[in-house]
Amino acid sequence: MLKPRTLILLAAAVVVLGGISFLQRARHDDTTNRSATAVVVDGEFSAEDLGRITLGRGDTPEAVVLESADDGWTVTSVYGVQANLQRVEDLLRNLSNLRGEFRSDKADVLADYGLDAAGAVVVRGYDKAGTRVLALDVGRSPERFPGNFIRNPDDTRVYVSRASVLNTLGVYGEPELPGARHFLELQAVTVDRLAVNAIALRDSSGDRTLAKVLSLTPPAEDAPEGTEPTVDRTTWEWKLDDGTALAKTKADAVLGAAVSIRAVDVGDPTAAVADFGLDTPARSATLELEDGTVMGLEFGHSREALDDAPAGIWMKVRGRSGIWLVTDYTVNNIFKPTGDLLPE
């Protein structure tokens, strides 16, 4: 027969084991009942709602600053030049009600996800009154998965997004300090090619003008006597100002290069134009338009590539403040030697 003291010890052991079992079961239930996905960024956001967005990483939390203005969004961290509204909208659309799958809630492993203070790419959004309404930290990508580890900066819980948040910030691959160039509006020139009558070129080889010879549509047979032919602006040939005929496809290529110019970077519009070689531009292309106006494109110094800054040639549109860096390829396609434009 068991002694009373032994029975008491056995009863106590049963109680302890029962308590441990209960705690383990409760912890298991808590874990298994945790939602697999959760909203990490709560709310719908658009460019019309916000007044300011900042992007950064580590010691530079505001490497890129985007601000709403009366005429659109600007990149205030880059001379206050115009921002690409579509990319601002894309970013906010992807962040709206952003969900993620749960991965961890341990603060001591945040660095493993690239979500510690030094490693996370930080996104903050503010309304027009300056109140923070959007906050997200973005880490690295899991192996063989397109999304990123993400968390609310006020919470240690880590989630993984289904799609890459970093890509919408212009960051591809491992987390790094975002660059402003992704958000710059780099479309420097957009002109309707049908509205151009002529292109006057000036460079080291001299001056020359490529002029359209527009087709004429004769009047209908039943038109009143004296009716003039109508100009067909959709059909043309090209001639030089001395009457020399040019190959249409080759001259059209010059036109195409001149009427749609996308830059690769911008310069400080408050700096002296001489800094860019634009006080006495070495080359110019003047578009003469149907309505009698002209658009002058002026080209200055070259810039060599340095670190992540691309190479190119400085350009401005006469009478406007913007300073653009365009590729050598673009400039060479505009300033073709006359011999290269003649029929074969």
C-alpha atoms as a PDB file:
ATOM      1  CA  MET A   1       0.000   0.000   0.000  1.00  0.00           C
ATOM      2  CA  LEU A   2       1.252   3.459  -0.902  1.00  0.00           C
ATOM      3  CA  LYS A   3       2.005   5.780   1.924  1.00  0.00           C
ATOM      4  CA  PRO A   4      -0.005   9.015   2.203  1.00  0.00           C
ATOM      5  CA  ARG A   5       3.100  11.133   1.487  1.00  0.00           C
ATOM      6  CA  THR A   6       3.739   9.224  -1.755  1.00  0.00           C
ATOM      7  CA  LEU A   7       0.124   9.664  -2.809  1.00  0.00           C
ATOM      8  CA  ILE A   8       0.368  13.393  -2.223  1.00  0.00           C
ATOM      9  CA  LEU A   9       3.519  13.609  -4.373  1.00  0.00           C
ATOM     10  CA  LEU A  10       1.909  11.586  -7.146  1.00  0.00           C
ATOM     11  CA  ALA A  11      -1.182  13.789  -7.099  1.00  0.00           C
ATOM     12  CA  ALA A  12       0.958  16.901  -7.280  1.00  0.00           C
ATOM     13  CA  ALA A  13       2.863  15.450 -10.237  1.00  0.00           C
ATOM     14  CA  VAL A  14      -0.396  14.721 -12.048  1.00  0.00           C
ATOM     15  CA  VAL A  15      -1.555  18.292 -11.476  1.00  0.00           C
ATOM     16  CA  VAL A  16       1.748  19.710 -12.798  1.00  0.00           C
ATOM     17  CA  LEU A  17       1.718  17.452 -15.846  1.00  0.00           C
ATOM     18  CA  GLY A  18      -1.888  18.357 -16.498  1.00  0.00           C
ATOM     19  CA  GLY A  19      -1.018  22.045 -16.309  1.00  0.00           C
ATOM     20  CA  ILE A  20       1.886  21.617 -18.709  1.00  0.00           C
ATOM     21  CA  SER A  21      -0.336  19.697 -21.109  1.00  0.00           C
ATOM     22  CA  PHE A  22      -2.978  22.415 -20.918  1.00  0.00           C
ATOM     23  CA  LEU A  23      -0.442  25.166 -21.614  1.00  0.00           C
ATOM     24  CA  GLN A  24       1.059  23.247 -24.524  1.00  0.00           C
ATOM     25  CA  ARG A  25      -2.380  22.629 -25.980  1.00  0.00           C
ATOM     26  CA  ALA A  26      -3.341  26.282 -25.522  1.00  0.00           C
ATOM     27  CA  ARG A  27      -0.108  27.421 -27.172  1.00  0.00           C
ATOM     28  CA  HIS A  28      -0.674  24.976 -30.022  1.00  0.00           C
ATOM     29  CA  ASP A  29      -4.253  26.200 -30.466  1.00  0.00           C
ATOM     30  CA  ASP A  30      -3.079  29.794 -30.471  1.00  0.00           C
ATOM     31  CA  THR A  31      -0.505  29.005 -33.138  1.00  0.00           C
ATOM     32  CA  THR A  32      -2.771  26.946 -35.349  1.00  0.00           C
ATOM     33  CA  ASN A  33      -5.653  29.377 -35.008  1.00  0.00           C
ATOM     34  CA  ARG A  34      -3.482  32.338 -36.025  1.00  0.00           C
ATOM     35  CA  SER A  35      -4.637  33.720 -39.392  1.00  0.00           C
ATOM     36  CA  ALA A  36      -2.344  32.628 -42.224  1.00  0.00           C
ATOM     37  CA  THR A  37      -2.645  36.061 -43.848  1.00  0.00           C
ATOM     38  CA  ALA A  38      -3.212  39.550 -42.525  1.00  0.00           C
ATOM     39  CA  VAL A  39      -3.524  43.124 -43.746  1.00  0.00           C
ATOM     40  CA  VAL A  40      -0.198  44.837 -43.114  1.00  0.00           C
ATOM     41  CA  VAL A  41      -1.061  48.196 -44.708  1.00  0.00           C
ATOM     42  CA  ASP A  42      -4.633  49.064 -43.812  1.00  0.00           C
ATOM     43  CA  GLY A  43      -6.429  51.432 -46.162  1.00  0.00           C
ATOM     44  CA  GLU A  44      -6.903  52.494 -49.765  1.00  0.00           C
ATOM     45  CA  PHE A  45      -4.522  55.181 -51.026  1.00  0.00           C
ATOM     46  CA  SER A  46      -4.279  57.276 -54.180  1.00  0.00           C
ATOM     47  CA  ALA A  47      -2.201  60.220 -55.321  1.00  0.00           C
ATOM     48  CA  GLU A  48      -5.178  62.492 -54.706  1.00  0.00           C
ATOM     49  CA  ASP A  49      -5.327  61.480 -51.024  1.00  0.00           C
ATOM     50  CA  LEU A  50      -1.724  61.978 -49.967  1.00  0.00           C
ATOM     51  CA  GLY A  51       0.491  65.015 -49.642  1.00  0.00           C
ATOM     52  CA  ARG A  52       3.906  63.428 -49.161  1.00  0.00           C
ATOM     53  CA  ILE A  53       5.711  60.100 -49.554  1.00  0.00           C
ATOM     54  CA  THR A  54       9.205  59.328 -48.275  1.00  0.00           C
ATOM     55  CA  LEU A  55      11.422  56.369 -49.146  1.00  0.00           C
ATOM     56  CA  GLY A  56      14.708  55.412 -47.551  1.00  0.00           C
ATOM     57  CA  ARG A  57      16.830  52.877 -45.746  1.00  0.00           C
ATOM     58  CA  GLY A  58      18.976  52.792 -42.624  1.00  0.00           C
ATOM     59  CA  ASP A  59      20.503  56.162 -41.797  1.00  0.00           C
ATOM     60  CA  THR A  60      18.780  57.794 -44.793  1.00  0.00           C
ATOM     61  CA  PRO A  61      15.047  57.452 -44.175  1.00  0.00           C
ATOM     62  CA  GLU A  62      14.185  60.210 -46.673  1.00  0.00           C
ATOM     63  CA  ALA A  63      16.416  59.448 -49.641  1.00  0.00           C
ATOM     64  CA  VAL A  64      13.466  60.030 -51.961  1.00  0.00           C
ATOM     65  CA  VAL A  65      10.811  62.610 -51.153  1.00  0.00           C
ATOM     66  CA  LEU A  66       7.694  62.922 -53.303  1.00  0.00           C
ATOM     67  CA  GLU A  67       5.229  65.730 -52.696  1.00  0.00           C
ATOM     68  CA  SER A  68       1.847  66.644 -54.092  1.00  0.00           C
ATOM     69  CA  ALA A  69       1.591  70.016 -55.829  1.00  0.00           C
ATOM     70  CA  ASP A  70      -1.156  71.949 -57.580  1.00  0.00           C
ATOM     71  CA  ASP A  71       0.003  70.693 -60.988  1.00  0.00           C
ATOM     72  CA  GLY A  72       0.829  67.107 -60.006  1.00  0.00           C
ATOM     73  CA  TRP A  73       3.548  65.413 -57.972  1.00  0.00           C
ATOM     74  CA  THR A  74       7.148  66.546 -57.693  1.00  0.00           C
ATOM     75  CA  VAL A  75      10.365  64.876 -56.570  1.00  0.00           C
ATOM     76  CA  THR A  76      11.458  67.444 -54.008  1.00  0.00           C
ATOM     77  CA  SER A  77      14.642  65.512 -53.285  1.00  0.00           C
ATOM     78  CA  VAL A  78      15.711  66.116 -56.923  1.00  0.00           C
ATOM     79  CA  TYR A  79      15.354  69.850 -57.581  1.00  0.00           C
ATOM     80  CA  GLY A  80      11.570  69.658 -57.249  1.00  0.00           C
ATOM     81  CA  VAL A  81      11.193  68.348 -60.793  1.00  0.00           C
ATOM     82  CA  GLN A  82       8.004  66.685 -61.971  1.00  0.00           C
ATOM     83  CA  ALA A  83       7.303  63.152 -60.802  1.00  0.00           C
ATOM     84  CA  ASN A  84       5.925  60.390 -62.968  1.00  0.00           C
ATOM     85  CA  LEU A  85       2.323  60.264 -61.762  1.00  0.00           C
ATOM     86  CA  GLN A  86       1.779  56.755 -63.079  1.00  0.00           C
ATOM     87  CA  ARG A  87       4.576  55.365 -60.922  1.00  0.00           C
ATOM     88  CA  VAL A  88       3.300  57.192 -57.855  1.00  0.00           C
ATOM     89  CA  GLU A  89      -0.154  55.731 -58.483  1.00  0.00           C
ATOM     90  CA  ASP A  90       1.285  52.245 -59.095  1.00  0.00           C
ATOM     91  CA  LEU A  91       3.127  52.366 -55.779  1.00  0.00           C
ATOM     92  CA  LEU A  92       0.070  53.476 -53.825  1.00  0.00           C
ATOM     93  CA  ARG A  93      -2.204  50.983 -55.541  1.00  0.00           C
ATOM     94  CA  ASN A  94       0.158  48.119 -54.649  1.00  0.00           C
ATOM     95  CA  LEU A  95       0.402  49.276 -51.039  1.00  0.00           C
ATOM     96  CA  SER A  96      -3.352  49.709 -50.562  1.00  0.00           C
ATOM     97  CA  ASN A  97      -4.678  47.007 -48.214  1.00  0.00           C
ATOM     98  CA  LEU A  98      -1.416  45.110 -48.674  1.00  0.00           C
ATOM     99  CA  ARG A  99      -1.682  41.600 -47.268  1.00  0.00           C
ATOM    100  CA  GLY A 100       0.978  39.111 -46.315  1.00  0.00           C
ATOM    101  CA  GLU A 101       1.400  35.557 -45.062  1.00  0.00           C
ATOM    102  CA  PHE A 102       2.638  35.254 -41.470  1.00  0.00           C
ATOM    103  CA  ARG A 103       6.234  34.172 -40.922  1.00  0.00           C
ATOM    104  CA  SER A 104       7.448  35.267 -37.482  1.00  0.00           C
ATOM    105  CA  ASP A 105       6.786  37.458 -34.466  1.00  0.00           C
ATOM    106  CA  LYS A 106      10.252  37.309 -32.891  1.00  0.00           C
ATOM    107  CA  ALA A 107      12.048  40.652 -32.675  1.00  0.00           C
ATOM    108  CA  ASP A 108      15.456  38.992 -32.416  1.00  0.00           C
ATOM    109  CA  VAL A 109      15.218  37.504 -35.941  1.00  0.00           C
ATOM    110  CA  LEU A 110      14.150  40.644 -37.843  1.00  0.00           C
ATOM    111  CA  ALA A 111      17.623  40.974 -39.329  1.00  0.00           C
ATOM    112  CA  ASP A 112      17.253  37.511 -40.883  1.00  0.00           C
ATOM    113  CA  TYR A 113      14.401  38.912 -42.962  1.00  0.00           C
ATOM    114  CA  GLY A 114      16.191  42.165 -43.798  1.00  0.00           C
ATOM    115  CA  LEU A 115      13.713  43.977 -41.573  1.00  0.00           C
ATOM    116  CA  ASP A 116      15.953  45.383 -38.851  1.00  0.00           C
ATOM    117  CA  ALA A 117      16.573  49.128 -38.597  1.00  0.00           C
ATOM    118  CA  ALA A 118      19.686  48.976 -40.773  1.00  0.00           C
ATOM    119  CA  GLY A 119      18.382  46.688 -43.497  1.00  0.00           C
ATOM    120  CA  ALA A 120      14.749  47.531 -44.144  1.00  0.00           C
ATOM    121  CA  VAL A 121      13.629  49.786 -46.958  1.00  0.00           C
ATOM    122  CA  VAL A 122      11.177  52.190 -45.334  1.00  0.00           C
ATOM    123  CA  VAL A 123       8.043  53.646 -46.940  1.00  0.00           C
ATOM    124  CA  ARG A 124       6.067  56.376 -45.220  1.00  0.00           C
ATOM    125  CA  GLY A 125       3.021  58.268 -46.486  1.00  0.00           C
ATOM    126  CA  TYR A 126       1.426  61.420 -45.098  1.00  0.00           C
ATOM    127  CA  ASP A 127      -1.893  63.067 -45.778  1.00  0.00           C
ATOM    128  CA  LYS A 128      -2.197  66.684 -46.846  1.00  0.00           C
ATOM    129  CA  ALA A 129      -2.256  67.788 -43.200  1.00  0.00           C
ATOM    130  CA  GLY A 130       1.084  66.068 -42.566  1.00  0.00           C
ATOM    131  CA  THR A 131      -0.271  63.155 -40.538  1.00  0.00           C
ATOM    132  CA  ARG A 132       1.355  59.791 -41.165  1.00  0.00           C
ATOM    133  CA  VAL A 133      -1.252  57.464 -42.628  1.00  0.00           C
ATOM    134  CA  LEU A 134       0.910  54.801 -44.259  1.00  0.00           C
ATOM    135  CA  ALA A 135       3.966  52.979 -42.945  1.00  0.00           C
ATOM    136  CA  LEU A 136       5.740  49.874 -44.179  1.00  0.00           C
ATOM    137  CA  ASP A 137       9.163  48.297 -43.774  1.00  0.00           C
ATOM    138  CA  VAL A 138      10.278  46.072 -46.649  1.00  0.00           C
ATOM    139  CA  GLY A 139      12.958  43.394 -46.463  1.00  0.00           C
ATOM    140  CA  ARG A 140      14.504  40.823 -48.723  1.00  0.00           C
ATOM    141  CA  SER A 141      12.732  38.225 -50.871  1.00  0.00           C
ATOM    142  CA  PRO A 142      12.327  34.581 -49.847  1.00  0.00           C
ATOM    143  CA  GLU A 143      14.053  32.058 -52.065  1.00  0.00           C
ATOM    144  CA  ARG A 144      12.025  31.126 -55.152  1.00  0.00           C
ATOM    145  CA  PHE A 145       9.236  33.546 -54.218  1.00  0.00           C
ATOM    146  CA  PRO A 146       8.372  36.850 -55.924  1.00  0.00           C
ATOM    147  CA  GLY A 147       7.302  38.808 -52.843  1.00  0.00           C
ATOM    148  CA  ASN A 148       9.182  40.516 -50.009  1.00  0.00           C
ATOM    149  CA  PHE A 149       9.221  40.148 -46.258  1.00  0.00           C
ATOM    150  CA  ILE A 150       7.252  43.067 -44.857  1.00  0.00           C
ATOM    151  CA  ARG A 151       6.125  44.423 -41.516  1.00  0.00           C
ATOM    152  CA  ASN A 152       4.426  47.368 -39.898  1.00  0.00           C
ATOM    153  CA  PRO A 153       7.248  49.327 -38.206  1.00  0.00           C
ATOM    154  CA  ASP A 154       5.226  49.408 -34.977  1.00  0.00           C
ATOM    155  CA  ASP A 155       4.975  45.608 -34.871  1.00  0.00           C
ATOM    156  CA  THR A 156       7.513  42.758 -34.788  1.00  0.00           C
ATOM    157  CA  ARG A 157       5.315  40.390 -36.788  1.00  0.00           C
ATOM    158  CA  VAL A 158       6.819  39.529 -40.165  1.00  0.00           C
ATOM    159  CA  TYR A 159       4.780  38.684 -43.249  1.00  0.00           C
ATOM    160  CA  VAL A 160       5.639  37.931 -46.843  1.00  0.00           C
ATOM    161  CA  SER A 161       3.831  39.751 -49.652  1.00  0.00           C
ATOM    162  CA  ARG A 162       2.643  37.899 -52.741  1.00  0.00           C
ATOM    163  CA  ALA A 163       4.232  40.374 -55.170  1.00  0.00           C
ATOM    164  CA  SER A 164       7.403  42.419 -54.950  1.00  0.00           C
ATOM    165  CA  VAL A 165       7.021  45.727 -53.165  1.00  0.00           C
ATOM    166  CA  LEU A 166      10.646  46.620 -53.891  1.00  0.00           C
ATOM    167  CA  ASN A 167      10.037  46.533 -57.645  1.00  0.00           C
ATOM    168  CA  THR A 168       7.459  49.309 -57.334  1.00  0.00           C
ATOM    169  CA  LEU A 169      10.166  51.372 -55.608  1.00  0.00           C
ATOM    170  CA  GLY A 170      12.616  50.839 -58.450  1.00  0.00           C
ATOM    171  CA  VAL A 171      14.676  48.383 -56.383  1.00  0.00           C
ATOM    172  CA  TYR A 172      15.411  45.080 -58.082  1.00  0.00           C
ATOM    173  CA  GLY A 173      17.105  42.261 -56.222  1.00  0.00           C
ATOM    174  CA  GLU A 174      18.302  42.695 -52.652  1.00  0.00           C
ATOM    175  CA  PRO A 175      17.065  45.650 -50.558  1.00  0.00           C
ATOM    176  CA  GLU A 176      19.047  48.840 -51.149  1.00  0.00           C
ATOM    177  CA  LEU A 177      18.581  52.575 -50.803  1.00  0.00           C
ATOM    178  CA  PRO A 178      15.828  53.604 -53.260  1.00  0.00           C
ATOM    179  CA  GLY A 179      16.804  56.030 -56.005  1.00  0.00           C
ATOM    180  CA  ALA A 180      14.736  58.981 -57.143  1.00  0.00           C
ATOM    181  CA  ARG A 181      15.293  58.368 -60.854  1.00  0.00           C
ATOM    182  CA  HIS A 182      12.593  55.691 -60.872  1.00  0.00           C
ATOM    183  CA  PHE A 183      10.001  58.350 -59.989  1.00  0.00           C
ATOM    184  CA  LEU A 184      11.191  61.160 -62.269  1.00  0.00           C
ATOM    185  CA  GLU A 185       9.054  62.168 -65.237  1.00  0.00           C
ATOM    186  CA  LEU A 186      11.684  61.674 -67.942  1.00  0.00           C
ATOM    187  CA  GLN A 187       9.585  62.299 -71.048  1.00  0.00           C
ATOM    188  CA  ALA A 188      11.375  65.466 -72.172  1.00  0.00           C
ATOM    189  CA  VAL A 189       9.741  66.001 -75.579  1.00  0.00           C
ATOM    190  CA  THR A 190       6.421  64.860 -77.002  1.00  0.00           C
ATOM    191  CA  VAL A 191       5.226  66.386 -80.288  1.00  0.00           C
ATOM    192  CA  ASP A 192       2.672  65.092 -82.765  1.00  0.00           C
ATOM    193  CA  ARG A 193       4.742  64.001 -85.760  1.00  0.00           C
ATOM    194  CA  LEU A 194       1.883  64.986 -88.088  1.00  0.00           C
ATOM    195  CA  ALA A 195       2.105  68.587 -86.849  1.00  0.00           C
ATOM    196  CA  VAL A 196       5.749  69.018 -87.901  1.00  0.00           C
ATOM    197  CA  ASN A 197       6.417  70.849 -91.192  1.00  0.00           C
ATOM    198  CA  ALA A 198      10.206  70.947 -91.086  1.00  0.00           C
ATOM    199  CA  ILE A 199      13.267  70.232 -88.934  1.00  0.00           C
ATOM    200  CA  ALA A 200      16.138  72.712 -89.000  1.00  0.00           C
ATOM    201  CA  LEU A 201      19.395  71.125 -87.849  1.00  0.00           C
ATOM    202  CA  ARG A 202      22.598  72.854 -86.805  1.00  0.00           C
ATOM    203  CA  ASP A 203      25.814  71.096 -85.806  1.00  0.00           C
ATOM    204  CA  SER A 204      29.511  71.086 -86.637  1.00  0.00           C
ATOM    205  CA  SER A 205      28.781  70.112 -90.241  1.00  0.00           C
ATOM    206  CA  GLY A 206      26.629  73.208 -90.800  1.00  0.00           C
ATOM    207  CA  ASP A 207      22.961  74.104 -91.141  1.00  0.00           C
ATOM    208  CA  ARG A 208      20.345  72.165 -93.058  1.00  0.00           C
ATOM    209  CA  THR A 209      16.566  71.928 -93.077  1.00  0.00           C
ATOM    210  CA  LEU A 210      14.549  68.796 -93.689  1.00  0.00           C
ATOM    211  CA  ALA A 211      11.185  69.942 -95.055  1.00  0.00           C
ATOM    212  CA  LYS A 212       8.047  67.900 -95.571  1.00  0.00           C
ATOM    213  CA  VAL A 213       6.427  68.015 -99.002  1.00  0.00           C
ATOM    214  CA  LEU A 214       2.847  67.246 -98.081  1.00  0.00           C
ATOM    215  CA  SER A 215       0.521  65.429-100.443  1.00  0.00           C
ATOM    216  CA  LEU A 216      -2.412  67.274-101.963  1.00  0.00           C
ATOM    217  CA  THR A 217      -5.827  65.716-102.400  1.00  0.00           C
ATOM    218  CA  PRO A 218      -7.536  67.048-105.537  1.00  0.00           C
ATOM    219  CA  PRO A 219     -11.081  68.353-105.172  1.00  0.00           C
ATOM    220  CA  ALA A 220     -13.982  66.040-105.912  1.00  0.00           C
ATOM    221  CA  GLU A 221     -15.294  65.978-109.457  1.00  0.00           C
ATOM    222  CA  ASP A 222     -18.516  67.679-108.411  1.00  0.00           C
ATOM    223  CA  ALA A 223     -16.749  70.375-106.359  1.00  0.00           C
ATOM    224  CA  PRO A 224     -17.405  74.016-107.346  1.00  0.00           C
ATOM    225  CA  GLU A 225     -15.017  75.460-109.893  1.00  0.00           C
ATOM    226  CA  GLY A 226     -11.974  76.997-108.292  1.00  0.00           C
ATOM    227  CA  THR A 227     -11.966  74.670-105.280  1.00  0.00           C
ATOM    228  CA  GLU A 228      -8.388  74.249-104.054  1.00  0.00           C
ATOM    229  CA  PRO A 229      -6.812  70.869-103.344  1.00  0.00           C
ATOM    230  CA  THR A 230      -6.693  69.946 -99.653  1.00  0.00           C
ATOM    231  CA  VAL A 231      -3.500  69.175 -97.826  1.00  0.00           C
ATOM    232  CA  ASP A 232      -3.149  65.598 -96.646  1.00  0.00           C
ATOM    233  CA  ARG A 233      -0.991  65.808 -93.505  1.00  0.00           C
ATOM    234  CA  THR A 234      -0.758  62.040 -93.241  1.00  0.00           C
ATOM    235  CA  THR A 235       1.257  61.606 -96.437  1.00  0.00           C
ATOM    236  CA  TRP A 236       4.505  63.348 -97.357  1.00  0.00           C
ATOM    237  CA  GLU A 237       7.957  63.165 -98.862  1.00  0.00           C
ATOM    238  CA  TRP A 238      11.118  64.969 -97.697  1.00  0.00           C
ATOM    239  CA  LYS A 239      13.443  67.472 -99.322  1.00  0.00           C
ATOM    240  CA  LEU A 240      16.367  69.535 -98.173  1.00  0.00           C
ATOM    241  CA  ASP A 241      16.069  73.318 -98.361  1.00  0.00           C
ATOM    242  CA  ASP A 242      18.058  73.228-101.611  1.00  0.00           C
ATOM    243  CA  GLY A 243      15.488  70.894-103.174  1.00  0.00           C
ATOM    244  CA  THR A 244      17.470  67.661-102.779  1.00  0.00           C
ATOM    245  CA  ALA A 245      15.130  64.701-102.317  1.00  0.00           C
ATOM    246  CA  LEU A 246      15.687  62.574 -99.217  1.00  0.00           C
ATOM    247  CA  ALA A 247      14.883  58.942 -98.523  1.00  0.00           C
ATOM    248  CA  LYS A 248      11.534  59.047 -96.748  1.00  0.00           C
ATOM    249  CA  THR A 249      12.215  56.226 -94.302  1.00  0.00           C
ATOM    250  CA  LYS A 250      15.550  57.757 -93.290  1.00  0.00           C
ATOM    251  CA  ALA A 251      14.182  61.275 -92.815  1.00  0.00           C
ATOM    252  CA  ASP A 252      11.163  59.857 -90.984  1.00  0.00           C
ATOM    253  CA  ALA A 253      13.588  58.228 -88.555  1.00  0.00           C
ATOM    254  CA  VAL A 254      15.065  61.664 -87.791  1.00  0.00           C
ATOM    255  CA  LEU A 255      11.543  62.981 -87.237  1.00  0.00           C
ATOM    256  CA  GLY A 256      10.700  60.090 -84.925  1.00  0.00           C
ATOM    257  CA  ALA A 257      13.820  60.671 -82.834  1.00  0.00           C
ATOM    258  CA  ALA A 258      13.145  64.413 -82.499  1.00  0.00           C
ATOM    259  CA  VAL A 259       9.445  64.370 -81.596  1.00  0.00           C
ATOM    260  CA  SER A 260       9.670  61.832 -78.761  1.00  0.00           C
ATOM    261  CA  ILE A 261      12.694  62.176 -76.489  1.00  0.00           C
ATOM    262  CA  ARG A 262      12.904  60.322 -73.216  1.00  0.00           C
ATOM    263  CA  ALA A 263      15.697  61.430 -70.914  1.00  0.00           C
ATOM    264  CA  VAL A 264      17.751  59.225 -68.605  1.00  0.00           C
ATOM    265  CA  ASP A 265      18.356  61.860 -65.925  1.00  0.00           C
ATOM    266  CA  VAL A 266      17.770  65.506 -65.061  1.00  0.00           C
ATOM    267  CA  GLY A 267      20.005  68.416 -64.137  1.00  0.00           C
ATOM    268  CA  ASP A 268      19.553  71.233 -61.652  1.00  0.00           C
ATOM    269  CA  PRO A 269      17.279  73.749 -63.411  1.00  0.00           C
ATOM    270  CA  THR A 270      18.522  76.534 -61.109  1.00  0.00           C
ATOM    271  CA  ALA A 271      22.162  76.057 -62.115  1.00  0.00           C
ATOM    272  CA  ALA A 272      23.826  78.211 -64.768  1.00  0.00           C
ATOM    273  CA  VAL A 273      23.153  76.838 -68.249  1.00  0.00           C
ATOM    274  CA  ALA A 274      26.876  77.244 -68.937  1.00  0.00           C
ATOM    275  CA  ASP A 275      27.482  74.353 -66.514  1.00  0.00           C
ATOM    276  CA  PHE A 276      25.787  72.111 -69.060  1.00  0.00           C
ATOM    277  CA  GLY A 277      27.241  73.706 -72.184  1.00  0.00           C
ATOM    278  CA  LEU A 278      23.833  75.151 -72.994  1.00  0.00           C
ATOM    279  CA  ASP A 279      24.764  78.837 -73.028  1.00  0.00           C
ATOM    280  CA  THR A 280      26.188  78.339 -76.523  1.00  0.00           C
ATOM    281  CA  PRO A 281      24.831  74.899 -77.511  1.00  0.00           C
ATOM    282  CA  ALA A 282      26.954  72.980 -79.978  1.00  0.00           C
ATOM    283  CA  ARG A 283      23.908  71.485 -81.690  1.00  0.00           C
ATOM    284  CA  SER A 284      20.274  72.422 -82.107  1.00  0.00           C
ATOM    285  CA  ALA A 285      17.194  70.970 -83.772  1.00  0.00           C
ATOM    286  CA  THR A 286      14.271  73.310 -84.390  1.00  0.00           C
ATOM    287  CA  LEU A 287      10.873  71.785 -85.093  1.00  0.00           C
ATOM    288  CA  GLU A 288       8.701  74.055 -87.265  1.00  0.00           C
ATOM    289  CA  LEU A 289       5.060  73.240 -86.564  1.00  0.00           C
ATOM    290  CA  GLU A 290       1.820  73.491 -88.509  1.00  0.00           C
ATOM    291  CA  ASP A 291       0.473  76.334 -86.380  1.00  0.00           C
ATOM    292  CA  GLY A 292       3.524  78.499 -87.033  1.00  0.00           C
ATOM    293  CA  THR A 293       5.208  77.900 -83.673  1.00  0.00           C
ATOM    294  CA  VAL A 294       8.647  76.382 -83.258  1.00  0.00           C
ATOM    295  CA  MET A 295      10.227  74.129 -80.659  1.00  0.00           C
ATOM    296  CA  GLY A 296      13.969  74.469 -80.291  1.00  0.00           C
ATOM    297  CA  LEU A 297      15.980  71.563 -78.882  1.00  0.00           C
ATOM    298  CA  GLU A 298      19.458  72.557 -77.717  1.00  0.00           C
ATOM    299  CA  PHE A 299      22.290  70.149 -76.906  1.00  0.00           C
ATOM    300  CA  GLY A 300      25.367  70.856 -74.784  1.00  0.00           C
ATOM    301  CA  HIS A 301      28.130  68.983 -72.973  1.00  0.00           C
ATOM    302  CA  SER A 302      28.425  65.239 -72.561  1.00  0.00           C
ATOM    303  CA  ARG A 303      28.471  63.605 -69.131  1.00  0.00           C
ATOM    304  CA  GLU A 304      30.409  60.449 -68.407  1.00  0.00           C
ATOM    305  CA  ALA A 305      28.809  57.638 -66.421  1.00  0.00           C
ATOM    306  CA  LEU A 306      29.716  57.716 -62.726  1.00  0.00           C
ATOM    307  CA  ASP A 307      28.573  55.122 -60.190  1.00  0.00           C
ATOM    308  CA  ASP A 308      24.816  54.808 -60.856  1.00  0.00           C
ATOM    309  CA  ALA A 309      24.619  58.078 -62.802  1.00  0.00           C
ATOM    310  CA  PRO A 310      24.217  57.317 -66.529  1.00  0.00           C
ATOM    311  CA  ALA A 311      26.195  58.867 -69.357  1.00  0.00           C
ATOM    312  CA  GLY A 312      24.573  61.160 -71.882  1.00  0.00           C
ATOM    313  CA  ILE A 313      24.324  64.629 -73.407  1.00  0.00           C
ATOM    314  CA  TRP A 314      22.660  67.611 -71.729  1.00  0.00           C
ATOM    315  CA  MET A 315      19.615  69.034 -73.494  1.00  0.00           C
ATOM    316  CA  LYS A 316      17.031  71.718 -72.934  1.00  0.00           C
ATOM    317  CA  VAL A 317      13.961  72.918 -74.772  1.00  0.00           C
ATOM    318  CA  ARG A 318      14.441  76.552 -75.714  1.00  0.00           C
ATOM    319  CA  GLY A 319      12.382  78.821 -73.484  1.00  0.00           C
ATOM    320  CA  ARG A 320      11.770  76.159 -70.818  1.00  0.00           C
ATOM    321  CA  SER A 321      13.557  75.612 -67.519  1.00  0.00           C
ATOM    322  CA  GLY A 322      14.082  71.843 -67.530  1.00  0.00           C
ATOM    323  CA  ILE A 323      17.565  70.363 -68.014  1.00  0.00           C
ATOM    324  CA  TRP A 324      17.599  66.839 -69.399  1.00  0.00           C
ATOM    325  CA  LEU A 325      20.252  64.200 -69.937  1.00  0.00           C
ATOM    326  CA  VAL A 326      19.582  62.197 -73.112  1.00  0.00           C
ATOM    327  CA  THR A 327      21.470  59.288 -74.578  1.00  0.00           C
ATOM    328  CA  ASP A 328      24.116  59.596 -77.286  1.00  0.00           C
ATOM    329  CA  TYR A 329      21.962  57.203 -79.295  1.00  0.00           C
ATOM    330  CA  THR A 330      19.060  59.667 -79.299  1.00  0.00           C
ATOM    331  CA  VAL A 331      21.246  62.606 -80.328  1.00  0.00           C
ATOM    332  CA  ASN A 332      22.995  60.642 -83.074  1.00  0.00           C
ATOM    333  CA  ASN A 333      19.636  59.620 -84.521  1.00  0.00           C
ATOM    334  CA  ILE A 334      18.615  63.285 -84.821  1.00  0.00           C
ATOM    335  CA  PHE A 335      21.839  64.667 -86.252  1.00  0.00           C
ATOM    336  CA  LYS A 336      22.336  62.315 -89.165  1.00  0.00           C
ATOM    337  CA  PRO A 337      24.839  63.484 -91.813  1.00  0.00           C
ATOM    338  CA  THR A 338      23.111  64.570 -94.992  1.00  0.00           C
ATOM    339  CA  GLY A 339      24.775  61.801 -96.941  1.00  0.00           C
ATOM    340  CA  ASP A 340      23.114  59.215 -94.705  1.00  0.00           C
ATOM    341  CA  LEU A 341      19.664  60.591 -95.603  1.00  0.00           C
ATOM    342  CA  LEU A 342      19.959  60.395 -99.385  1.00  0.00           C
ATOM    343  CA  PRO A 343      18.248  57.651-101.402  1.00  0.00           C
ATOM    344  CA  GLU A 344      20.488  54.692-102.127  1.00  0.00           C
END
